[in-house]
C-alpha atoms as a PDB file:
ATOM      1  CA  MET A   1       9.673  18.815  46.160  1.00  0.00           C
ATOM      2  CA  THR A   2       9.359  21.399  43.934  1.00  0.00           C
ATOM      3  CA  GLN A   3       7.423  24.156  42.900  1.00  0.00           C
ATOM      4  CA  SER A   4       7.838  26.244  39.706  1.00  0.00           C
ATOM      5  CA  ASP A   5       7.724  29.701  38.599  1.00  0.00           C
ATOM      6  CA  SER A   6       6.511  31.838  36.315  1.00  0.00           C
ATOM      7  CA  PRO A   7       3.276  30.406  34.598  1.00  0.00           C
ATOM      8  CA  SER A   8       3.018  26.908  36.289  1.00  0.00           C
ATOM      9  CA  THR A   9       2.960  28.014  39.857  1.00  0.00           C
ATOM     10  CA  LYS A  10       0.285  26.263  40.142  1.00  0.00           C
ATOM     11  CA  LEU A  11       1.986  23.388  39.409  1.00  0.00           C
ATOM     12  CA  SER A  12       4.305  21.419  41.848  1.00  0.00           C
ATOM     13  CA  PHE A  13       6.896  18.714  40.068  1.00  0.00           C
ATOM     14  CA  GLN A  14       8.616  15.342  42.092  1.00  0.00           C
ATOM     15  CA  THR A  15      11.358  13.152  40.960  1.00  0.00           C
ATOM     16  CA  LYS A  16      10.935   9.760  42.052  1.00  0.00           C
ATOM     17  CA  GLY A  17      13.866   7.430  40.589  1.00  0.00           C
ATOM     18  CA  ASN A  18      14.517   8.877  37.167  1.00  0.00           C
ATOM     19  CA  TYR A  19      11.277  10.200  36.384  1.00  0.00           C
ATOM     20  CA  LYS A  20       9.842  13.476  36.963  1.00  0.00           C
ATOM     21  CA  TYR A  21       5.878  13.747  37.750  1.00  0.00           C
ATOM     22  CA  ALA A  22       3.917  16.851  38.517  1.00  0.00           C
ATOM     23  CA  LYS A  23       0.569  17.759  39.975  1.00  0.00           C
ATOM     24  CA  VAL A  24      -1.890  20.781  40.815  1.00  0.00           C
ATOM     25  CA  PRO A  25      -1.357  20.781  44.365  1.00  0.00           C
ATOM     26  CA  GLY A  26      -4.376  22.302  45.091  1.00  0.00           C
ATOM     27  CA  THR A  27      -5.300  24.452  48.501  1.00  0.00           C
ATOM     28  CA  SER A  28      -4.903  23.699  52.009  1.00  0.00           C
ATOM     29  CA  TYR A  29      -7.875  24.227  54.410  1.00  0.00           C
ATOM     30  CA  ARG A  30      -9.082  23.218  58.585  1.00  0.00           C
ATOM     31  CA  GLU A  31     -11.639  20.522  59.010  1.00  0.00           C
ATOM     32  CA  ASN A  32     -12.435  19.199  62.767  1.00  0.00           C
ATOM     33  CA  GLY A  33      -8.710  20.898  63.846  1.00  0.00           C
ATOM     34  CA  LYS A  34      -7.091  18.510  60.778  1.00  0.00           C
ATOM     35  CA  ILE A  35      -5.316  20.042  57.914  1.00  0.00           C
ATOM     36  CA  ARG A  36      -6.562  18.706  54.805  1.00  0.00           C
ATOM     37  CA  LYS A  37      -6.240  19.468  50.642  1.00  0.00           C
ATOM     38  CA  LYS A  38      -9.143  19.903  47.666  1.00  0.00           C
ATOM     39  CA  GLY A  39      -8.744  20.280  43.935  1.00  0.00           C
ATOM     40  CA  THR A  40      -5.319  18.581  43.836  1.00  0.00           C
ATOM     41  CA  ILE A  41      -5.129  17.155  40.042  1.00  0.00           C
ATOM     42  CA  TYR A  42      -2.432  14.421  39.552  1.00  0.00           C
ATOM     43  CA  LEU A  43      -1.183  15.105  36.050  1.00  0.00           C
ATOM     44  CA  GLY A  44       1.006  12.294  35.496  1.00  0.00           C
ATOM     45  CA  ARG A  45       5.338  11.879  34.021  1.00  0.00           C
ATOM     46  CA  VAL A  46       6.767  14.651  32.551  1.00  0.00           C
ATOM     47  CA  ILE A  47       7.166  14.316  29.134  1.00  0.00           C
ATOM     48  CA  ASP A  48       8.109  18.145  28.271  1.00  0.00           C
ATOM     49  CA  GLU A  49       7.939  20.580  31.300  1.00  0.00           C
ATOM     50  CA  LYS A  50       8.545  23.250  29.140  1.00  0.00           C
ATOM     51  CA  ASN A  51       5.365  22.939  26.960  1.00  0.00           C
ATOM     52  CA  PHE A  52       3.220  21.716  29.908  1.00  0.00           C
ATOM     53  CA  ILE A  53       3.187  17.599  27.985  1.00  0.00           C
ATOM     54  CA  PHE A  54       2.150  14.984  30.559  1.00  0.00           C
ATOM     55  CA  TYR A  55       1.299  11.446  30.445  1.00  0.00           C
ATOM     56  CA  ASN A  56      -0.841   9.247  32.881  1.00  0.00           C
ATOM     57  CA  LYS A  57      -3.087   5.789  31.799  1.00  0.00           C
ATOM     58  CA  ASP A  58      -6.383   7.426  31.912  1.00  0.00           C
ATOM     59  CA  ARG A  59      -5.618  10.273  29.615  1.00  0.00           C
ATOM     60  CA  GLY A  60      -2.983   9.381  27.520  1.00  0.00           C
ATOM     61  CA  VAL A  61      -0.651  11.810  26.050  1.00  0.00           C
ATOM     62  CA  PHE A  62      -1.771  15.811  26.304  1.00  0.00           C
ATOM     63  CA  LYS A  63      -1.414  19.035  27.324  1.00  0.00           C
ATOM     64  CA  TYR A  64      -2.101  21.128  30.643  1.00  0.00           C
ATOM     65  CA  ASP A  65      -2.984  24.784  30.501  1.00  0.00           C
ATOM     66  CA  PRO A  66      -2.303  26.006  33.877  1.00  0.00           C
ATOM     67  CA  VAL A  67      -3.971  29.344  33.690  1.00  0.00           C
ATOM     68  CA  ASN A  68      -7.591  28.306  32.887  1.00  0.00           C
ATOM     69  CA  ASN A  69      -7.033  24.907  33.992  1.00  0.00           C
ATOM     70  CA  LEU A  70      -7.560  22.966  30.613  1.00  0.00           C
ATOM     71  CA  PHE A  71      -6.610  19.516  29.307  1.00  0.00           C
ATOM     72  CA  LEU A  72      -5.340  19.381  25.760  1.00  0.00           C
ATOM     73  CA  GLU A  73      -4.642  17.537  23.226  1.00  0.00           C
ATOM     74  CA  ALA A  74      -0.875  17.467  22.645  1.00  0.00           C
ATOM     75  CA  PRO A  75       0.515  17.458  19.166  1.00  0.00           C
ATOM     76  CA  GLU A  76       0.923  14.354  17.721  1.00  0.00           C
ATOM     77  CA  THR A  77       5.078  13.734  18.137  1.00  0.00           C
ATOM     78  CA  TYR A  78       4.523  13.699  21.502  1.00  0.00           C
ATOM     79  CA  THR A  79       5.096  10.008  23.163  1.00  0.00           C
ATOM     80  CA  GLY A  80       4.431   8.462  26.180  1.00  0.00           C
ATOM     81  CA  LYS A  81       7.438   5.876  26.333  1.00  0.00           C
ATOM     82  CA  LEU A  82      10.050   6.235  28.784  1.00  0.00           C
ATOM     83  CA  LYS A  83      12.700   7.843  27.835  1.00  0.00           C
ATOM     84  CA  ASN A  84      16.134   5.968  27.808  1.00  0.00           C
ATOM     85  CA  ASP A  85      17.163   6.434  31.557  1.00  0.00           C
ATOM     86  CA  GLN A  86      20.356   4.518  31.123  1.00  0.00           C
ATOM     87  CA  ARG A  87      19.924   1.054  32.662  1.00  0.00           C
ATOM     88  CA  LYS A  88      20.939  -1.740  31.061  1.00  0.00           C
ATOM     89  CA  LYS A  89      18.343  -3.388  29.191  1.00  0.00           C
ATOM     90  CA  PRO A  90      17.243  -6.806  28.275  1.00  0.00           C
ATOM     91  CA  ASN A  91      17.779  -8.522  24.555  1.00  0.00           C
ATOM     92  CA  LEU A  92      14.858  -8.700  22.499  1.00  0.00           C
ATOM     93  CA  ILE A  93      13.052 -11.598  20.683  1.00  0.00           C
ATOM     94  CA  LEU A  94      11.473 -10.253  18.002  1.00  0.00           C
ATOM     95  CA  ASP A  95       9.060 -11.470  14.861  1.00  0.00           C
ATOM     96  CA  PHE A  96      11.715  -9.918  12.045  1.00  0.00           C
ATOM     97  CA  GLY A  97      10.421 -10.814   8.291  1.00  0.00           C
ATOM     98  CA  ASP A  98       7.035  -9.458   7.819  1.00  0.00           C
ATOM     99  CA  SER A  99       6.903  -5.882   8.941  1.00  0.00           C
ATOM    100  CA  TYR A 100      10.985  -5.744   7.273  1.00  0.00           C
ATOM    101  CA  PHE A 101       9.789  -7.011   4.270  1.00  0.00           C
ATOM    102  CA  LEU A 102       6.803  -4.603   4.045  1.00  0.00           C
ATOM    103  CA  SER A 103       8.848  -1.405   5.066  1.00  0.00           C
ATOM    104  CA  GLN A 104      11.686  -2.282   2.091  1.00  0.00           C
ATOM    105  CA  LEU A 105       8.322  -2.502  -0.617  1.00  0.00           C
ATOM    106  CA  ILE A 106       6.836   0.579   0.465  1.00  0.00           C
ATOM    107  CA  HIS A 107      10.114   2.608   0.505  1.00  0.00           C
ATOM    108  CA  SER A 108      11.204   0.535  -2.855  1.00  0.00           C
ATOM    109  CA  ILE A 109       8.307   1.586  -4.998  1.00  0.00           C
ATOM    110  CA  LYS A 110       8.392   4.897  -3.306  1.00  0.00           C
ATOM    111  CA  TYR A 111       4.985   4.427  -1.574  1.00  0.00           C
ATOM    112  CA  ASN A 112       6.271   6.338   1.431  1.00  0.00           C
ATOM    113  CA  GLU A 113       5.991   9.551  -0.467  1.00  0.00           C
ATOM    114  CA  VAL A 114       1.885   9.209  -0.474  1.00  0.00           C
ATOM    115  CA  ILE A 115       2.132   7.971   3.157  1.00  0.00           C
ATOM    116  CA  GLU A 116       4.124  10.949   4.085  1.00  0.00           C
ATOM    117  CA  ALA A 117       1.787  13.557   1.869  1.00  0.00           C
ATOM    118  CA  VAL A 118      -1.105  12.547   4.421  1.00  0.00           C
ATOM    119  CA  GLY A 119       0.710  14.676   6.841  1.00  0.00           C
ATOM    120  CA  TYR A 120       0.642  12.939  10.518  1.00  0.00           C
ATOM    121  CA  LYS A 121       3.749  14.431  11.851  1.00  0.00           C
ATOM    122  CA  ASN A 122       4.958  11.403  14.089  1.00  0.00           C
ATOM    123  CA  SER A 123       5.618   8.998  10.349  1.00  0.00           C
ATOM    124  CA  ASP A 124       6.546   6.131  12.964  1.00  0.00           C
ATOM    125  CA  THR A 125       2.729   5.838  14.240  1.00  0.00           C
ATOM    126  CA  ILE A 126       1.282   6.034  10.595  1.00  0.00           C
ATOM    127  CA  TYR A 127       3.696   3.297   9.007  1.00  0.00           C
ATOM    128  CA  SER A 128       3.601   1.202  12.504  1.00  0.00           C
ATOM    129  CA  MET A 129      -0.577   1.107  12.096  1.00  0.00           C
ATOM    130  CA  ILE A 130       0.157   0.382   8.614  1.00  0.00           C
ATOM    131  CA  MET A 131       1.992  -2.915   9.625  1.00  0.00           C
ATOM    132  CA  PHE A 132      -0.338  -3.850  12.404  1.00  0.00           C
ATOM    133  CA  TYR A 133      -3.487  -3.574   9.582  1.00  0.00           C
ATOM    134  CA  ILE A 134      -1.339  -6.055   6.694  1.00  0.00           C
ATOM    135  CA  LEU A 135       0.059  -8.057   9.269  1.00  0.00           C
ATOM    136  CA  THR A 136      -2.628  -9.037  11.570  1.00  0.00           C
ATOM    137  CA  ASN A 137      -6.492  -9.408  12.051  1.00  0.00           C
ATOM    138  CA  TYR A 138      -6.634  -8.444  15.636  1.00  0.00           C
ATOM    139  CA  SER A 139      -8.772  -5.286  16.768  1.00  0.00           C
ATOM    140  CA  CYS A 140      -7.037  -2.078  17.943  1.00  0.00           C
ATOM    141  CA  MET A 141      -6.617  -3.415  21.536  1.00  0.00           C
ATOM    142  CA  HIS A 142      -3.636  -5.326  20.957  1.00  0.00           C
ATOM    143  CA  CYS A 143      -1.931  -3.268  19.015  1.00  0.00           C
ATOM    144  CA  SER A 144       0.868  -2.191  21.503  1.00  0.00           C
ATOM    145  CA  THR A 145       1.262  -5.644  22.533  1.00  0.00           C
ATOM    146  CA  TRP A 146       1.913  -6.907  18.439  1.00  0.00           C
ATOM    147  CA  TYR A 147       4.426  -3.373  18.584  1.00  0.00           C
ATOM    148  CA  GLU A 148       6.543  -4.523  21.401  1.00  0.00           C
ATOM    149  CA  GLY A 149       7.150  -8.320  19.827  1.00  0.00           C
ATOM    150  CA  ASN A 150       7.501  -7.341  16.411  1.00  0.00           C
ATOM    151  CA  PHE A 151      10.521  -5.466  14.784  1.00  0.00           C
ATOM    152  CA  ALA A 152       8.411  -2.477  13.478  1.00  0.00           C
ATOM    153  CA  LYS A 153       9.836  -1.550  17.567  1.00  0.00           C
ATOM    154  CA  ILE A 154      13.261  -1.167  15.855  1.00  0.00           C
ATOM    155  CA  LEU A 155      11.774  -0.028  12.140  1.00  0.00           C
ATOM    156  CA  TYR A 156       9.638   2.901  14.210  1.00  0.00           C
ATOM    157  CA  PRO A 157      10.979   3.091  17.553  1.00  0.00           C
ATOM    158  CA  ASN A 158       9.020   6.471  18.042  1.00  0.00           C
ATOM    159  CA  ALA A 159       5.247   4.997  17.407  1.00  0.00           C
ATOM    160  CA  ASP A 160       3.005   5.363  20.013  1.00  0.00           C
ATOM    161  CA  LEU A 161       0.184   3.060  20.011  1.00  0.00           C
ATOM    162  CA  HIS A 162      -1.449   3.536  23.480  1.00  0.00           C
ATOM    163  CA  SER A 163      -5.314   3.906  23.148  1.00  0.00           C
ATOM    164  CA  GLN A 164      -5.653   7.564  23.099  1.00  0.00           C
ATOM    165  CA  ARG A 165      -3.562   8.067  20.598  1.00  0.00           C
ATOM    166  CA  ILE A 166      -4.317   5.624  17.856  1.00  0.00           C
ATOM    167  CA  SER A 167      -7.963   7.537  18.563  1.00  0.00           C
ATOM    168  CA  GLU A 168      -6.806  10.844  18.248  1.00  0.00           C
ATOM    169  CA  PHE A 169      -4.558   9.220  14.782  1.00  0.00           C
ATOM    170  CA  PHE A 170      -7.911   7.979  13.427  1.00  0.00           C
ATOM    171  CA  LYS A 171      -9.861  11.052  13.974  1.00  0.00           C
ATOM    172  CA  TYR A 172      -6.731  13.075  12.262  1.00  0.00           C
ATOM    173  CA  LEU A 173      -7.019  10.629   8.728  1.00  0.00           C
ATOM    174  CA  GLY A 174     -11.366  10.994   9.093  1.00  0.00           C
ATOM    175  CA  ARG A 175     -10.277  14.662   8.485  1.00  0.00           C
ATOM    176  CA  GLU A 176     -12.038  15.324   4.878  1.00  0.00           C
ATOM    177  CA  ASP A 177      -8.767  17.548   3.833  1.00  0.00           C
ATOM    178  CA  VAL A 178      -6.615  14.687   4.974  1.00  0.00           C
ATOM    179  CA  ARG A 179      -8.595  12.211   3.065  1.00  0.00           C
ATOM    180  CA  GLN A 180      -8.105  14.760   0.078  1.00  0.00           C
ATOM    181  CA  LYS A 181      -4.281  14.952  -0.202  1.00  0.00           C
ATOM    182  CA  PHE A 182      -4.027  11.385   0.597  1.00  0.00           C
ATOM    183  CA  PHE A 183      -6.217  10.459  -2.462  1.00  0.00           C
ATOM    184  CA  ARG A 184      -3.975  12.977  -4.539  1.00  0.00           C
ATOM    185  CA  ALA A 185      -1.074  11.838  -3.623  1.00  0.00           C
ATOM    186  CA  HIS A 186      -1.815   8.150  -4.067  1.00  0.00           C
ATOM    187  CA  ILE A 187      -3.493   9.101  -8.072  1.00  0.00           C
ATOM    188  CA  ASP A 188      -0.324  11.052  -8.840  1.00  0.00           C
ATOM    189  CA  TRP A 189       1.459   8.085  -7.832  1.00  0.00           C
ATOM    190  CA  LEU A 190      -0.489   5.480  -9.334  1.00  0.00           C
ATOM    191  CA  LYS A 191      -0.186   7.823 -12.645  1.00  0.00           C
ATOM    192  CA  LYS A 192       4.050   8.559 -12.420  1.00  0.00           C
ATOM    193  CA  ASN A 193       4.815   4.297 -11.554  1.00  0.00           C
ATOM    194  CA  ILE A 194       2.267   2.484 -12.492  1.00  0.00           C
ATOM    195  CA  CYS A 195      -0.228   3.083 -15.364  1.00  0.00           C
ATOM    196  CA  ASN A 196      -1.965   6.443 -16.617  1.00  0.00           C
ATOM    197  CA  ASP A 197      -5.171   4.737 -17.955  1.00  0.00           C
ATOM    198  CA  PRO A 198      -8.414   6.566 -17.644  1.00  0.00           C
ATOM    199  CA  ALA A 199     -10.881   3.734 -18.037  1.00  0.00           C
ATOM    200  CA  ILE A 200     -12.342   2.712 -14.487  1.00  0.00           C
ATOM    201  CA  VAL A 201     -14.202   0.091 -12.967  1.00  0.00           C
ATOM    202  CA  ILE A 202     -16.965   1.588 -10.692  1.00  0.00           C
ATOM    203  CA  ASP A 203     -18.812  -0.667  -8.324  1.00  0.00           C
ATOM    204  CA  SER A 204     -20.065  -0.321  -4.329  1.00  0.00           C
ATOM    205  CA  THR A 205     -20.222  -3.129  -0.897  1.00  0.00           C
ATOM    206  CA  GLY A 206     -22.094  -2.463   2.186  1.00  0.00           C
ATOM    207  CA  LEU A 207     -20.806  -2.744   5.381  1.00  0.00           C
ATOM    208  CA  PRO A 208     -22.658  -4.044   7.615  1.00  0.00           C
ATOM    209  CA  ASN A 209     -23.024  -2.373  11.473  1.00  0.00           C
ATOM    210  CA  ASP A 210     -25.138  -0.862  13.887  1.00  0.00           C
ATOM    211  CA  ILE A 211     -23.034   2.071  14.851  1.00  0.00           C
ATOM    212  CA  ASN A 212     -24.999   4.886  15.677  1.00  0.00           C
ATOM    213  CA  ILE A 213     -23.683   7.266  12.579  1.00  0.00           C
ATOM    214  CA  GLU A 214     -25.525   9.565   9.915  1.00  0.00           C
ATOM    215  CA  LEU A 215     -23.970   6.900   7.856  1.00  0.00           C
ATOM    216  CA  THR A 216     -25.639   4.062   9.365  1.00  0.00           C
ATOM    217  CA  ASN A 217     -28.766   3.580   7.691  1.00  0.00           C
ATOM    218  CA  VAL A 218     -31.109   0.399   6.664  1.00  0.00           C
ATOM    219  CA  SER A 219     -30.660  -0.460   3.081  1.00  0.00           C
ATOM    220  CA  ASN A 220     -32.687  -2.975   0.496  1.00  0.00           C
ATOM    221  CA  HIS A 221     -29.568  -4.109  -1.516  1.00  0.00           C
ATOM    222  CA  ASN A 222     -31.398  -6.853  -4.570  1.00  0.00           C
ATOM    223  CA  GLY A 223     -33.771  -7.503  -2.026  1.00  0.00           C
ATOM    224  CA  LYS A 224     -31.884  -8.064   0.913  1.00  0.00           C
ATOM    225  CA  ILE A 225     -32.162  -5.772   4.120  1.00  0.00           C
ATOM    226  CA  SER A 226     -29.437  -4.699   5.887  1.00  0.00           C
ATOM    227  CA  ASN A 227     -28.111  -1.725   8.638  1.00  0.00           C
ATOM    228  CA  GLU A 228     -25.342  -0.769   6.517  1.00  0.00           C
ATOM    229  CA  VAL A 229     -23.072   1.903   5.567  1.00  0.00           C
ATOM    230  CA  ARG A 230     -22.241   1.645   1.499  1.00  0.00           C
ATOM    231  CA  LEU A 231     -18.519   1.954   0.633  1.00  0.00           C
ATOM    232  CA  VAL A 232     -18.096   3.127  -3.423  1.00  0.00           C
ATOM    233  CA  SER A 233     -14.743   2.970  -4.932  1.00  0.00           C
ATOM    234  CA  ALA A 234     -13.242   3.558  -8.726  1.00  0.00           C
ATOM    235  CA  VAL A 235     -10.568   0.657  -9.451  1.00  0.00           C
ATOM    236  CA  GLN A 236      -8.651   1.598 -12.936  1.00  0.00           C
ATOM    237  CA  ARG A 237      -9.133  -1.140 -15.243  1.00  0.00           C
ATOM    238  CA  ASP A 238      -5.943  -1.932 -16.671  1.00  0.00           C
ATOM    239  CA  SER A 239      -3.779  -2.137 -13.128  1.00  0.00           C
ATOM    240  CA  GLY A 240      -6.700  -3.517 -11.005  1.00  0.00           C
ATOM    241  CA  TYR A 241      -5.062  -0.664  -8.323  1.00  0.00           C
ATOM    242  CA  PRO A 242      -8.003   1.283  -6.401  1.00  0.00           C
ATOM    243  CA  LEU A 243      -8.358   4.888  -7.330  1.00  0.00           C
ATOM    244  CA  ILE A 244     -11.033   6.612  -4.920  1.00  0.00           C
ATOM    245  CA  PHE A 245     -13.694   5.095  -2.118  1.00  0.00           C
ATOM    246  CA  ARG A 246     -16.260   6.872  -0.630  1.00  0.00           C
ATOM    247  CA  ALA A 247     -18.309   6.145   2.348  1.00  0.00           C
ATOM    248  CA  ILE A 248     -22.162   6.857   2.216  1.00  0.00           C
ATOM    249  CA  PRO A 249     -25.098   6.337   3.365  1.00  0.00           C
ATOM    250  CA  GLY A 250     -26.452   2.908   3.319  1.00  0.00           C
ATOM    251  CA  ASN A 251     -29.755   3.542   1.995  1.00  0.00           C
ATOM    252  CA  ILE A 252     -28.169   5.340  -0.913  1.00  0.00           C
ATOM    253  CA  ASN A 253     -28.849   3.429  -4.303  1.00  0.00           C
ATOM    254  CA  ASP A 254     -25.915   2.888  -6.485  1.00  0.00           C
ATOM    255  CA  ILE A 255     -27.918   4.561  -9.037  1.00  0.00           C
ATOM    256  CA  SER A 256     -27.502   8.152  -8.003  1.00  0.00           C
ATOM    257  CA  THR A 257     -23.755   7.840  -7.028  1.00  0.00           C
ATOM    258  CA  LEU A 258     -22.010   7.412 -10.456  1.00  0.00           C
ATOM    259  CA  SER A 259     -22.075  10.951 -11.541  1.00  0.00           C
ATOM    260  CA  THR A 260     -21.092  12.154  -8.047  1.00  0.00           C
ATOM    261  CA  THR A 261     -17.951   9.161  -8.419  1.00  0.00           C
ATOM    262  CA  ILE A 262     -16.744  10.187 -11.821  1.00  0.00           C
ATOM    263  CA  THR A 263     -17.033  13.938 -11.267  1.00  0.00           C
ATOM    264  CA  THR A 264     -14.981  13.114  -8.104  1.00  0.00           C
ATOM    265  CA  LEU A 265     -12.274  11.532  -9.852  1.00  0.00           C
ATOM    266  CA  ALA A 266     -11.873  14.361 -12.166  1.00  0.00           C
ATOM    267  CA  GLU A 267     -11.160  16.353  -9.286  1.00  0.00           C
ATOM    268  CA  TYR A 268      -8.121  14.706  -9.172  1.00  0.00           C
ATOM    269  CA  SER A 269      -6.889  14.804 -12.555  1.00  0.00           C
ATOM    270  CA  VAL A 270      -8.444  11.180 -13.629  1.00  0.00           C
ATOM    271  CA  ASN A 271     -10.758  11.932 -16.709  1.00  0.00           C
ATOM    272  CA  THR A 272     -12.515   8.911 -17.359  1.00  0.00           C
ATOM    273  CA  ASP A 273     -13.146   7.981 -20.776  1.00  0.00           C
ATOM    274  CA  PHE A 274     -14.408   4.164 -20.108  1.00  0.00           C
ATOM    275  CA  THR A 275     -16.402   2.419 -17.245  1.00  0.00           C
ATOM    276  CA  LEU A 276     -17.361  -0.949 -16.354  1.00  0.00           C
ATOM    277  CA  LEU A 277     -20.621  -0.783 -14.547  1.00  0.00           C
ATOM    278  CA  ASP A 278     -22.668  -3.032 -12.784  1.00  0.00           C
ATOM    279  CA  ALA A 279     -26.663  -3.149 -13.074  1.00  0.00           C
ATOM    280  CA  GLY A 280     -27.191  -1.596 -10.488  1.00  0.00           C
ATOM    281  CA  TYR A 281     -25.393   1.790 -11.920  1.00  0.00           C
ATOM    282  CA  VAL A 282     -27.444   1.404 -15.025  1.00  0.00           C
ATOM    283  CA  SER A 283     -30.811   3.721 -15.395  1.00  0.00           C
ATOM    284  CA  GLU A 284     -31.812   5.894 -18.772  1.00  0.00           C
ATOM    285  CA  LYS A 285     -30.295   9.164 -16.662  1.00  0.00           C
ATOM    286  CA  ASN A 286     -26.784   7.252 -16.198  1.00  0.00           C
ATOM    287  CA  ILE A 287     -26.893   6.672 -19.576  1.00  0.00           C
ATOM    288  CA  ASP A 288     -27.651   9.723 -20.962  1.00  0.00           C
ATOM    289  CA  ASP A 289     -24.893  11.526 -18.998  1.00  0.00           C
ATOM    290  CA  LEU A 290     -23.004   9.137 -20.098  1.00  0.00           C
ATOM    291  CA  TYR A 291     -23.394   9.672 -24.203  1.00  0.00           C
ATOM    292  CA  GLU A 292     -23.044  13.444 -22.994  1.00  0.00           C
ATOM    293  CA  ALA A 293     -19.720  13.344 -21.605  1.00  0.00           C
ATOM    294  CA  ASN A 294     -18.124  10.843 -24.399  1.00  0.00           C
ATOM    295  CA  ILE A 295     -17.674   8.082 -22.164  1.00  0.00           C
ATOM    296  CA  ASP A 296     -17.785   4.687 -23.353  1.00  0.00           C
ATOM    297  CA  PHE A 297     -18.981   1.984 -21.068  1.00  0.00           C
ATOM    298  CA  VAL A 298     -20.006  -1.590 -20.421  1.00  0.00           C
ATOM    299  CA  ALA A 299     -22.932  -2.606 -18.280  1.00  0.00           C
ATOM    300  CA  ARG A 300     -24.745  -5.997 -17.027  1.00  0.00           C
ATOM    301  CA  LEU A 301     -28.120  -5.301 -17.645  1.00  0.00           C
ATOM    302  CA  PRO A 302     -30.535  -4.973 -14.741  1.00  0.00           C
ATOM    303  CA  GLU A 303     -32.968  -8.232 -15.104  1.00  0.00           C
ATOM    304  CA  LYS A 304     -36.214  -6.139 -15.517  1.00  0.00           C
ATOM    305  CA  LEU A 305     -34.599  -4.713 -18.660  1.00  0.00           C
ATOM    306  CA  LYS A 306     -34.583  -6.616 -22.122  1.00  0.00           C
ATOM    307  CA  ILE A 307     -32.081  -6.060 -25.559  1.00  0.00           C
ATOM    308  CA  GLY A 308     -34.779  -3.998 -27.263  1.00  0.00           C
ATOM    309  CA  GLU A 309     -36.932  -2.411 -25.149  1.00  0.00           C
ATOM    310  CA  SER A 310     -36.401   0.785 -22.664  1.00  0.00           C
ATOM    311  CA  TYR A 311     -37.503   2.189 -19.318  1.00  0.00           C
END
């Protein structure tokens, strides 16, 4: 067992087999004639000793600050995988075709440019998660098991699909700046490679759930009461490709989301000139706003409104 120098003098390291482990040794004291220790902290396997990156089952991959005794998030490029110890490995039996096809498709249509614009530093993790969500209907608790038996393990060997890393991954994707990067890159790709049509279809759907977040609210949609989050989507009319989506509180009516959706599209350089609307978006104010903005529209009328009558 060795104890390191400089700022890491609080840490001690021990090599077991081909791997190094670390801990904060704590202090010794005497009690009833016996030597005991207190304050010992098990850090786990050493991933990067110089930068104080460790892995254990409870915390996953993390960075430890030995000066202030703090546990911090490790950069996403670090994984909890064991390094190759040069011992002979068994042959792998993997499900080959599905993830290989998707990987080739993504790169052949150059959609990898959109994925990489998101800026997540461990690209193997984001590609593996894309494959997992497209190819399976499992919950994330099964992600690592799927990865071990799929060709994605060969395509993206540095992916880290431990539960803690997946949580950090979703937290990163949920940031507003990251979402804006994605939409901007996606819309640029769509204009360049698919279609530049400014005509759109706008609609929303409810996502029923009982999660205790500010977006979950009681909704009355067409007389149906539910606890939900509303998802507003804008789709390019001619290509059928999605442009953007917005999650809004479940108690917000469709009527109040139209102008915001069109304004948001304009921020991504989609200058809407025609829109198809469901009845929930039709109101006197929205129609006036569309006329004022020189946006043509086709809409399904609400039941209460008849041709020749006004609100």
